[in-house]
Amino acid sequence: MRRVDCVQCGKVKRERLPFLADNPFYTNRFAFYVGRRCRASTIKDIAQELHLNWHTVKELEKQYMREQLRRAGTPAPKVVGIDEISIKKRHVYRILVSDLVRERPIWFGGKDRSEASMDEFFKWLGPKKSAGIRMAVMDMWKAFRNSTQTHAPQASILFDKFHVLRHLGEALDKVRKSEYARLSGKDRRFIKGQKYTLLSSRENLTLEGRKSLKLLLAANRRLNTAYLLKESFGQLWDYRREGWAKRFFQNWRESLKWQRLKPYKKFAQMIESHWDGIAAHCAVENKVALGFVEGLNNKVRVIQRRAYGLRDEEYLRLKILTCMLPAL
């Protein structure tokens, strides 16, 4: 590699060769090999196998991931999924935005999960591409909804049904805890240790789990009522017209009267105040695969767990944005 005097700045610089990596001791081909290996293994394992420094492997992998993003191009999403990711203890969050049509994450950033942080995504995307967003899937966090309505007012807001059902599951668990506190002695034995039996769908239970559930519901009338209400609420997502869905929800809410299920009443009030984003599920054009957002969250947790936490936020951003891209 030749060293030359720069005419403009007067400094001595090395010749830039296209086949070399950012680290001039290695080629691009070797950097891409290291990057491919790091998709399924830790940096430590690859460094030990190739007899390289840990920091060298990390920088070569970062070069590989940047090239992946460059080849993927700038996205122009039509349907986006918005969610927050916890990156540290004590409620330190970053926003993750996905393209639900192409099934890949496209943006990771912000300082927290505030409206200002969500605005950073639309600023990065640009007003022209923001105007092309047809639908935004999110949880019921107000900051996400306000930012989307400001920068992409034409987009339909769709609340993720997994987040909605999680709130219903929490309401059922509160009923279970209140019943356990109300009872004493041998009457508690039917409830103790049955949290996940109650929260799971009946078809997902084992034979032993179904026997425990049957015994529990026969022993406690209030929990039996709460469980049946939880199971019946799932019918809401099957309606194709908003009017029928609204009538079902009103009937479901009426059935709460005289049942002394305070957590369920709070849940019903929350659904009522967020009805527009839930009723959007009825439209045929809004039928999208929502499981990708939850699957991506699990993949992010695997990345964090495999590294025992990541201090380099830029490295975490690259890992998340390239986890669904094809290998080079």
Protein backbone atom coordinates (compact mmCIF):
# COMPACT_ATOMS: atom_id res chain seq x y z
CA MET A 1 0.00 0.00 0.00
CA ARG A 2 1.54 3.26 -1.11
CA ARG A 3 1.86 6.37 1.05
CA VAL A 4 1.43 9.71 -0.70
CA ASP A 5 1.68 13.41 0.14
CA CYS A 6 -1.70 15.12 -0.07
CA VAL A 7 -1.46 18.26 -2.20
CA GLN A 8 -4.44 19.93 -0.50
CA CYS A 9 -3.71 19.38 3.21
CA GLY A 10 0.00 18.51 3.06
CA LYS A 11 -0.42 15.35 5.17
CA VAL A 12 0.83 11.87 4.39
CA LYS A 13 -2.04 9.53 3.51
CA ARG A 14 -2.35 5.90 2.47
CA GLU A 15 -3.71 4.84 -0.86
CA ARG A 16 -7.34 3.73 -0.71
CA LEU A 17 -7.92 0.32 -2.31
CA PRO A 18 -11.53 -0.74 -3.07
CA PHE A 19 -11.07 -4.33 -1.89
CA LEU A 20 -9.88 -3.32 1.61
CA ALA A 21 -12.18 -3.07 4.61
CA ASP A 22 -12.42 0.00 6.83
CA ASN A 23 -9.63 -1.67 8.79
CA PRO A 24 -6.83 -1.74 6.14
CA PHE A 25 -5.37 -4.99 7.55
CA TYR A 26 -8.39 -6.96 6.25
CA THR A 27 -10.27 -7.25 2.96
CA ASN A 28 -13.98 -6.61 2.41
CA ARG A 29 -14.45 -10.28 1.65
CA PHE A 30 -13.04 -11.25 5.06
CA ALA A 31 -15.11 -8.56 6.80
CA PHE A 32 -18.28 -9.96 5.21
CA TYR A 33 -17.28 -13.47 6.29
CA VAL A 34 -16.90 -12.27 9.87
CA GLY A 35 -20.24 -10.44 9.65
CA ARG A 36 -22.05 -13.55 8.41
CA ARG A 37 -20.60 -15.64 11.21
CA CYS A 38 -21.66 -13.05 13.82
CA ARG A 39 -25.30 -13.35 12.75
CA ALA A 40 -25.53 -16.66 14.62
CA SER A 41 -22.62 -16.45 17.09
CA THR A 42 -21.27 -14.03 19.65
CA ILE A 43 -18.34 -11.70 19.00
CA LYS A 44 -16.32 -13.51 21.67
CA ASP A 45 -16.76 -16.90 19.98
CA ILE A 46 -15.77 -15.59 16.54
CA ALA A 47 -12.77 -13.72 17.98
CA GLN A 48 -11.51 -16.89 19.65
CA GLU A 49 -12.07 -18.99 16.55
CA LEU A 50 -10.31 -16.59 14.16
CA HIS A 51 -7.66 -15.46 16.68
CA LEU A 52 -8.67 -11.81 16.40
CA ASN A 53 -9.13 -9.04 18.91
CA TRP A 54 -12.69 -8.66 20.24
CA HIS A 55 -12.90 -5.01 19.11
CA THR A 56 -11.61 -5.90 15.63
CA VAL A 57 -14.39 -8.47 15.14
CA LYS A 58 -16.99 -5.98 16.34
CA GLU A 59 -15.85 -3.26 13.91
CA LEU A 60 -15.76 -5.71 11.00
CA GLU A 61 -19.30 -6.82 11.83
CA LYS A 62 -20.48 -3.20 12.00
CA GLN A 63 -19.04 -2.60 8.53
CA TYR A 64 -20.91 -5.69 7.29
CA MET A 65 -24.21 -4.51 8.78
CA ARG A 66 -23.82 -0.99 7.35
CA GLU A 67 -23.35 -2.53 3.91
CA GLN A 68 -26.52 -4.58 4.43
CA LEU A 69 -28.49 -1.41 5.17
CA ARG A 70 -26.96 0.40 2.19
CA ARG A 71 -28.00 -2.38 -0.19
CA ALA A 72 -31.49 -2.57 1.34
CA GLY A 73 -32.07 1.08 0.40
CA THR A 74 -34.25 3.75 1.95
CA PRO A 75 -37.70 2.36 2.82
CA ALA A 76 -41.02 3.81 1.69
CA PRO A 77 -43.44 1.95 4.01
CA LYS A 78 -47.19 1.70 3.49
CA VAL A 79 -48.01 -0.07 6.76
CA VAL A 80 -45.83 0.57 9.83
CA GLY A 81 -45.72 -1.06 13.24
CA ILE A 82 -44.64 1.14 16.16
CA ASP A 83 -43.45 -0.21 19.49
CA GLU A 84 -41.04 0.65 22.29
CA ILE A 85 -38.03 -1.44 23.33
CA SER A 86 -36.46 -1.41 26.78
CA ILE A 87 -32.66 -1.21 26.47
CA LYS A 88 -31.73 -0.70 30.13
CA LYS A 89 -33.16 -0.94 33.61
CA ARG A 90 -35.15 1.93 35.11
CA HIS A 91 -37.44 2.47 32.13
CA VAL A 92 -34.94 3.45 29.42
CA TYR A 93 -36.78 3.03 26.12
CA ARG A 94 -36.15 3.41 22.40
CA ILE A 95 -38.74 3.40 19.63
CA LEU A 96 -38.75 0.64 17.02
CA VAL A 97 -40.62 1.12 13.74
CA SER A 98 -41.20 -1.76 11.31
CA ASP A 99 -42.44 -2.13 7.75
CA LEU A 100 -45.20 -4.71 8.16
CA VAL A 101 -45.52 -5.34 4.42
CA ARG A 102 -41.86 -6.20 3.88
CA GLU A 103 -41.58 -7.56 7.43
CA ARG A 104 -38.39 -5.77 8.46
CA PRO A 105 -37.47 -3.10 11.03
CA ILE A 106 -36.67 0.24 9.39
CA TRP A 107 -35.93 2.68 12.25
CA PHE A 108 -34.61 2.48 15.79
CA GLY A 109 -33.96 5.59 17.85
CA GLY A 110 -35.26 8.43 19.95
CA LYS A 111 -34.33 9.37 23.50
CA ASP A 112 -37.39 7.77 25.10
CA ARG A 113 -40.95 6.90 24.06
CA SER A 114 -42.19 10.50 24.02
CA GLU A 115 -43.94 12.33 21.20
CA ALA A 116 -40.73 14.28 20.44
CA SER A 117 -38.83 11.01 19.94
CA MET A 118 -41.57 9.71 17.64
CA ASP A 119 -41.33 12.94 15.64
CA GLU A 120 -37.69 12.07 14.92
CA PHE A 121 -38.84 9.06 12.87
CA PHE A 122 -41.11 11.13 10.63
CA LYS A 123 -38.37 13.74 10.24
CA TRP A 124 -35.99 10.96 9.13
CA LEU A 125 -38.60 9.48 6.78
CA GLY A 126 -39.48 12.84 5.22
CA PRO A 127 -42.88 14.41 4.47
CA LYS A 128 -43.24 12.76 1.04
CA LYS A 129 -42.84 9.20 2.32
CA SER A 130 -44.82 9.99 5.48
CA ALA A 131 -47.73 10.92 3.23
CA GLY A 132 -47.57 7.43 1.72
CA ILE A 133 -48.24 5.63 4.99
CA ARG A 134 -51.67 3.99 4.79
CA MET A 135 -51.87 2.46 8.27
CA ALA A 136 -49.97 2.58 11.57
CA VAL A 137 -50.20 -0.29 14.06
CA MET A 138 -49.30 0.59 17.65
CA ASP A 139 -50.23 0.11 21.27
CA MET A 140 -52.49 2.62 23.01
CA TRP A 141 -49.65 4.96 23.99
CA LYS A 142 -50.89 8.51 23.45
CA ALA A 143 -47.54 9.94 22.28
CA PHE A 144 -47.35 7.54 19.32
CA ARG A 145 -50.90 8.33 18.27
CA ASN A 146 -50.47 12.10 18.49
CA SER A 147 -47.23 12.11 16.49
CA THR A 148 -48.72 9.88 13.77
CA GLN A 149 -51.83 12.03 13.45
CA THR A 150 -49.65 15.14 13.15
CA HIS A 151 -47.19 13.89 10.52
CA ALA A 152 -49.34 11.28 8.71
CA PRO A 153 -52.98 12.36 9.19
CA GLN A 154 -54.14 10.19 6.28
CA ALA A 155 -52.99 6.98 8.03
CA SER A 156 -55.49 4.77 9.83
CA ILE A 157 -54.60 4.10 13.48
CA LEU A 158 -54.86 0.43 14.42
CA PHE A 159 -54.28 -0.67 18.01
CA ASP A 160 -52.40 -3.94 18.31
CA LYS A 161 -54.83 -6.56 19.57
CA PHE A 162 -52.06 -8.36 21.47
CA HIS A 163 -51.60 -5.26 23.63
CA VAL A 164 -55.37 -4.97 24.13
CA LEU A 165 -55.67 -8.61 25.20
CA ARG A 166 -52.70 -8.18 27.53
CA HIS A 167 -54.68 -5.51 29.42
CA LEU A 168 -57.61 -7.93 29.63
CA GLY A 169 -55.29 -10.63 30.97
CA GLU A 170 -54.01 -8.22 33.62
CA ALA A 171 -57.61 -7.47 34.64
CA LEU A 172 -58.30 -11.20 35.02
CA ASP A 173 -55.16 -11.61 37.12
CA LYS A 174 -56.29 -8.79 39.43
CA VAL A 175 -59.59 -10.62 39.93
CA ARG A 176 -57.64 -13.80 40.75
CA LYS A 177 -55.52 -11.96 43.34
CA SER A 178 -58.56 -10.35 44.95
CA GLU A 179 -60.28 -13.73 45.23
CA TYR A 180 -57.16 -15.28 46.77
CA ALA A 181 -57.03 -12.45 49.34
CA ARG A 182 -60.74 -12.80 50.10
CA LEU A 183 -60.60 -16.54 50.76
CA SER A 184 -58.70 -18.34 53.50
CA GLY A 185 -57.61 -21.80 54.51
CA LYS A 186 -58.32 -24.72 52.21
CA ASP A 187 -60.40 -22.62 49.81
CA ARG A 188 -57.21 -21.00 48.54
CA ARG A 189 -55.75 -24.25 47.23
CA PHE A 190 -57.82 -24.07 44.02
CA ILE A 191 -56.43 -20.63 43.11
CA LYS A 192 -52.81 -20.91 44.22
CA GLY A 193 -50.39 -21.46 41.31
CA GLN A 194 -53.09 -21.20 38.62
CA LYS A 195 -52.18 -17.81 37.14
CA TYR A 196 -51.03 -19.06 33.74
CA THR A 197 -53.76 -21.66 33.62
CA LEU A 198 -56.30 -18.84 33.73
CA LEU A 199 -54.44 -16.55 31.32
CA SER A 200 -53.83 -19.24 28.67
CA SER A 201 -56.37 -20.10 26.01
CA ARG A 202 -58.17 -23.36 26.62
CA GLU A 203 -56.87 -24.94 23.39
CA ASN A 204 -53.26 -24.23 24.45
CA LEU A 205 -53.56 -26.05 27.77
CA THR A 206 -52.32 -29.57 28.40
CA LEU A 207 -54.67 -32.27 29.66
CA GLU A 208 -53.48 -31.66 33.21
CA GLY A 209 -53.97 -27.90 32.76
CA ARG A 210 -57.54 -28.40 31.56
CA LYS A 211 -58.34 -30.55 34.58
CA SER A 212 -56.94 -27.85 36.91
CA LEU A 213 -58.92 -25.16 35.09
CA LYS A 214 -62.16 -27.13 35.31
CA LEU A 215 -61.65 -27.68 39.03
CA LEU A 216 -60.84 -24.00 39.63
CA LEU A 217 -63.84 -22.66 37.71
CA ALA A 218 -66.18 -25.08 39.47
CA ALA A 219 -64.85 -23.96 42.88
CA ASN A 220 -65.01 -20.19 42.36
CA ARG A 221 -68.02 -18.57 40.72
CA ARG A 222 -66.50 -15.10 40.29
CA LEU A 223 -63.38 -16.44 38.58
CA ASN A 224 -65.60 -18.60 36.39
CA THR A 225 -67.50 -15.50 35.25
CA ALA A 226 -64.30 -13.52 34.68
CA TYR A 227 -62.77 -16.34 32.65
CA LEU A 228 -65.83 -16.73 30.43
CA LEU A 229 -65.89 -12.97 29.80
CA LYS A 230 -62.23 -13.05 28.87
CA GLU A 231 -62.73 -15.89 26.41
CA SER A 232 -65.83 -14.32 24.82
CA PHE A 233 -64.10 -10.96 24.25
CA GLY A 234 -61.98 -12.58 21.53
CA GLN A 235 -65.02 -12.62 19.24
CA LEU A 236 -64.63 -8.85 18.80
CA TRP A 237 -61.83 -9.33 16.25
CA ASP A 238 -64.00 -11.52 13.97
CA TYR A 239 -66.52 -8.83 12.97
CA ARG A 240 -66.32 -7.23 9.52
CA ARG A 241 -68.59 -4.27 10.26
CA GLU A 242 -68.04 -1.66 12.92
CA GLY A 243 -71.72 -1.51 13.84
CA TRP A 244 -71.86 -5.21 14.70
CA ALA A 245 -68.58 -4.95 16.62
CA LYS A 246 -69.94 -2.00 18.59
CA ARG A 247 -73.12 -3.87 19.43
CA PHE A 248 -71.12 -6.90 20.61
CA PHE A 249 -68.94 -4.72 22.84
CA GLN A 250 -71.96 -2.94 24.35
CA ASN A 251 -73.56 -6.30 25.15
CA TRP A 252 -70.27 -7.54 26.62
CA ARG A 253 -70.05 -4.39 28.76
CA GLU A 254 -73.67 -4.78 29.90
CA SER A 255 -72.89 -8.28 31.11
CA LEU A 256 -70.47 -6.79 33.65
CA LYS A 257 -73.33 -5.32 35.67
CA TRP A 258 -73.78 -6.81 39.13
CA GLN A 259 -70.69 -9.00 38.67
CA ARG A 260 -68.45 -6.98 41.03
CA LEU A 261 -65.53 -7.14 38.59
CA LYS A 262 -63.96 -3.71 39.02
CA PRO A 263 -60.81 -4.43 36.91
CA TYR A 264 -63.05 -5.46 34.01
CA LYS A 265 -65.02 -2.23 34.25
CA LYS A 266 -61.79 -0.23 34.02
CA PHE A 267 -60.80 -2.31 31.00
CA ALA A 268 -64.16 -1.62 29.35
CA GLN A 269 -63.72 2.13 29.93
CA MET A 270 -60.29 1.96 28.30
CA ILE A 271 -61.74 0.18 25.25
CA GLU A 272 -64.50 2.78 25.00
CA SER A 273 -62.02 5.67 25.03
CA HIS A 274 -59.82 3.99 22.36
CA TRP A 275 -62.65 2.61 20.23
CA ASP A 276 -61.59 4.16 16.90
CA GLY A 277 -58.27 2.28 16.86
CA ILE A 278 -59.99 -0.98 17.79
CA ALA A 279 -62.90 -0.64 15.37
CA ALA A 280 -60.36 -0.22 12.56
CA HIS A 281 -59.82 -3.99 12.74
CA CYS A 282 -63.21 -4.45 11.07
CA ALA A 283 -62.09 -2.97 7.74
CA VAL A 284 -60.93 -5.63 5.26
CA GLU A 285 -58.05 -3.48 4.02
CA ASN A 286 -56.69 -3.31 7.59
CA LYS A 287 -56.16 -7.05 7.91
CA VAL A 288 -52.39 -7.39 8.43
CA ALA A 289 -50.20 -9.96 10.17
CA LEU A 290 -49.73 -8.41 13.60
CA GLY A 291 -47.66 -11.28 14.94
CA PHE A 292 -44.54 -9.88 13.24
CA VAL A 293 -44.31 -6.99 15.74
CA GLU A 294 -44.35 -9.35 18.74
CA GLY A 295 -41.98 -11.75 16.99
CA LEU A 296 -39.55 -8.92 16.35
CA ASN A 297 -39.70 -7.92 20.03
CA ASN A 298 -38.74 -11.48 20.97
CA LYS A 299 -35.85 -11.40 18.49
CA VAL A 300 -34.57 -8.15 20.01
CA ARG A 301 -34.67 -9.69 23.49
CA VAL A 302 -32.68 -12.69 22.19
CA ILE A 303 -30.04 -10.31 20.78
CA GLN A 304 -29.79 -8.50 24.12
CA ARG A 305 -29.73 -11.70 26.15
CA ARG A 306 -27.06 -13.29 23.98
CA ALA A 307 -24.76 -10.32 24.57
CA TYR A 308 -25.70 -10.03 28.29
CA GLY A 309 -26.71 -6.43 27.55
CA LEU A 310 -25.29 -4.01 24.99
CA ARG A 311 -23.56 -0.78 25.99
CA ASP A 312 -22.92 0.36 22.40
CA GLU A 313 -26.29 1.68 21.27
CA GLU A 314 -25.15 2.12 17.67
CA TYR A 315 -24.19 -1.55 17.55
CA LEU A 316 -27.60 -2.52 18.98
CA ARG A 317 -29.30 -0.34 16.36
CA LEU A 318 -27.41 -2.07 13.54
CA LYS A 319 -28.14 -5.53 14.94
CA ILE A 320 -31.88 -4.81 15.14
CA LEU A 321 -32.19 -3.18 11.72
CA THR A 322 -30.35 -6.01 9.95
CA CYS A 323 -31.80 -9.01 11.83
CA MET A 324 -34.42 -9.57 9.09
CA LEU A 325 -32.23 -8.71 6.08
CA PRO A 326 -30.70 -11.47 3.91
CA ALA A 327 -27.04 -12.30 4.41
CA LEU A 328 -24.52 -10.82 1.98
